[in-house]
Structure formats: structure tokens, C-alpha cells
């Protein structure tokens, strides 16, 4: 469930992230369930954020950055979903 204050663009991306085919979510590890705040910090630090930046980052921003980095690791041939709002260029290319 996406909070109502999240933009339509963000809500569609959060509700329909890019995933690998055949992998519809994964179970969290016991460590991530036991220490969720620390798991959040560790995942953000693994992609280059400092401890302080990671500790103070909002959940919404955390989900954005981790989602972006996770989607980069899905090979092109295995991608599905990844819904986003169409741009004007998308509409012109589709309808002429």
C-alpha cells in the first residue's frame, strides 16, 4: 500500500517494480526481519551512502534508491513489469 501523499509516478513505480521473470518477491532473511533498521542502513551503505545519510533517509527515499539499484541487476531478457507514466515522447512515438 502506497501512502496517499506519494505522487502518481512514484506510486506506480513502487507498486510495479522491475523484477526478474519468475521471481515475484523474495522472503526477507532472518537477519533483515530481526534488525530492519540496520538492514536498511547496510543496504544503503552498500550502494555508496554514508552511515549518517543512510540512517536519516526516509523510507520512501530508501525504497527508491534500493529499487533503482536492484532493477539494474535484472538482465534485460529477464525483465518484466517496470510500469511508469508515459511521457509526451512516448505518446508521439506510439500515436504519431
Protein backbone atom coordinates (compact mmCIF):
# COMPACT_ATOMS: atom_id res chain seq x y z
CA UNK A 1 0.00 0.00 0.00
CA UNK A 2 1.41 3.36 -1.03
CA UNK A 3 0.61 6.38 1.15
CA UNK A 4 -1.74 8.96 -0.43
CA UNK A 5 0.90 11.73 -0.39
CA UNK A 6 3.10 9.84 -2.87
CA UNK A 7 2.91 11.11 -6.44
CA UNK A 8 1.17 9.03 -9.11
CA UNK A 9 4.52 8.44 -10.83
CA UNK A 10 6.13 7.20 -7.64
CA UNK A 11 3.16 5.09 -6.61
CA UNK A 12 3.08 3.24 -9.95
CA UNK A 13 6.79 2.53 -9.77
CA UNK A 14 6.59 1.41 -6.15
CA UNK A 15 3.58 -0.82 -6.82
CA UNK A 16 5.04 -2.32 -10.03
CA UNK A 17 8.82 -2.56 -9.63
CA UNK A 18 11.04 -4.13 -12.28
CA UNK A 19 11.53 -7.78 -11.35
CA UNK A 20 13.18 -10.83 -12.78
CA UNK A 21 10.75 -13.18 -14.52
CA UNK A 22 9.68 -15.98 -12.25
CA UNK A 23 10.79 -14.13 -9.12
CA UNK A 24 7.85 -12.33 -7.62
CA UNK A 25 9.38 -11.08 -4.42
CA UNK A 26 11.66 -12.86 -2.09
CA UNK A 27 11.44 -13.75 1.53
CA UNK A 28 13.43 -11.46 3.83
CA UNK A 29 16.29 -13.06 5.67
CA UNK A 30 16.02 -13.73 9.38
CA UNK A 31 18.62 -11.01 9.97
CA UNK A 32 16.68 -8.40 7.98
CA UNK A 33 13.48 -9.27 9.89
CA UNK A 34 15.25 -9.11 13.24
CA UNK A 35 17.16 -5.87 12.53
CA UNK A 36 15.15 -3.94 9.90
CA UNK A 37 16.72 -0.54 10.61
CA UNK A 38 20.21 -1.99 10.41
CA UNK A 39 19.32 -3.89 7.21
CA UNK A 40 18.13 -0.62 5.67
CA UNK A 41 21.35 1.15 6.64
CA UNK A 42 23.52 -1.75 5.41
CA UNK A 43 21.77 -1.88 2.03
CA UNK A 44 22.13 1.89 1.54
CA UNK A 45 25.78 1.84 2.60
CA UNK A 46 26.43 -1.00 0.12
CA UNK A 47 25.39 1.34 -2.71
CA UNK A 48 27.52 4.25 -1.54
CA UNK A 49 25.58 6.26 1.03
CA UNK A 50 27.36 7.22 4.23
CA UNK A 51 26.16 5.82 7.56
CA UNK A 52 24.68 9.19 8.52
CA UNK A 53 22.89 9.62 5.18
CA UNK A 54 21.53 6.07 5.37
CA UNK A 55 20.39 6.37 8.99
CA UNK A 56 18.45 9.59 8.36
CA UNK A 57 16.99 8.68 4.95
CA UNK A 58 13.20 8.44 4.75
CA UNK A 59 11.62 5.09 3.98
CA UNK A 60 10.31 6.46 0.68
CA UNK A 61 13.78 7.53 -0.47
CA UNK A 62 15.26 4.25 0.77
CA UNK A 63 12.77 2.29 -1.36
CA UNK A 64 13.53 4.47 -4.40
CA UNK A 65 17.30 4.04 -4.28
CA UNK A 66 17.28 0.35 -3.40
CA UNK A 67 14.64 -0.27 -6.10
CA UNK A 68 16.72 1.51 -8.73
CA UNK A 69 19.89 -0.39 -7.87
CA UNK A 70 18.02 -3.71 -7.67
CA UNK A 71 16.45 -3.16 -11.10
CA UNK A 72 19.90 -2.62 -12.62
CA UNK A 73 20.85 -6.17 -11.64
CA UNK A 74 18.00 -7.77 -13.60
CA UNK A 75 19.27 -8.77 -17.06
CA UNK A 76 17.33 -7.19 -19.96
CA UNK A 77 15.97 -10.55 -21.15
CA UNK A 78 14.59 -11.33 -17.67
CA UNK A 79 12.77 -8.03 -17.05
CA UNK A 80 9.05 -7.68 -16.56
CA UNK A 81 6.76 -5.03 -15.04
CA UNK A 82 8.56 -1.73 -14.58
CA UNK A 83 5.42 0.37 -15.11
CA UNK A 84 5.88 4.13 -15.43
CA UNK A 85 3.76 7.02 -16.63
CA UNK A 86 4.10 7.75 -20.35
CA UNK A 87 5.90 10.88 -21.45
CA UNK A 88 4.90 13.10 -24.36
CA UNK A 89 7.65 11.46 -26.46
CA UNK A 90 6.17 8.01 -25.67
CA UNK A 91 2.74 9.16 -26.89
CA UNK A 92 4.15 10.71 -30.07
CA UNK A 93 6.10 7.53 -30.88
CA UNK A 94 3.00 5.39 -30.27
CA UNK A 95 0.33 7.51 -31.97
CA UNK A 96 2.40 9.64 -34.34
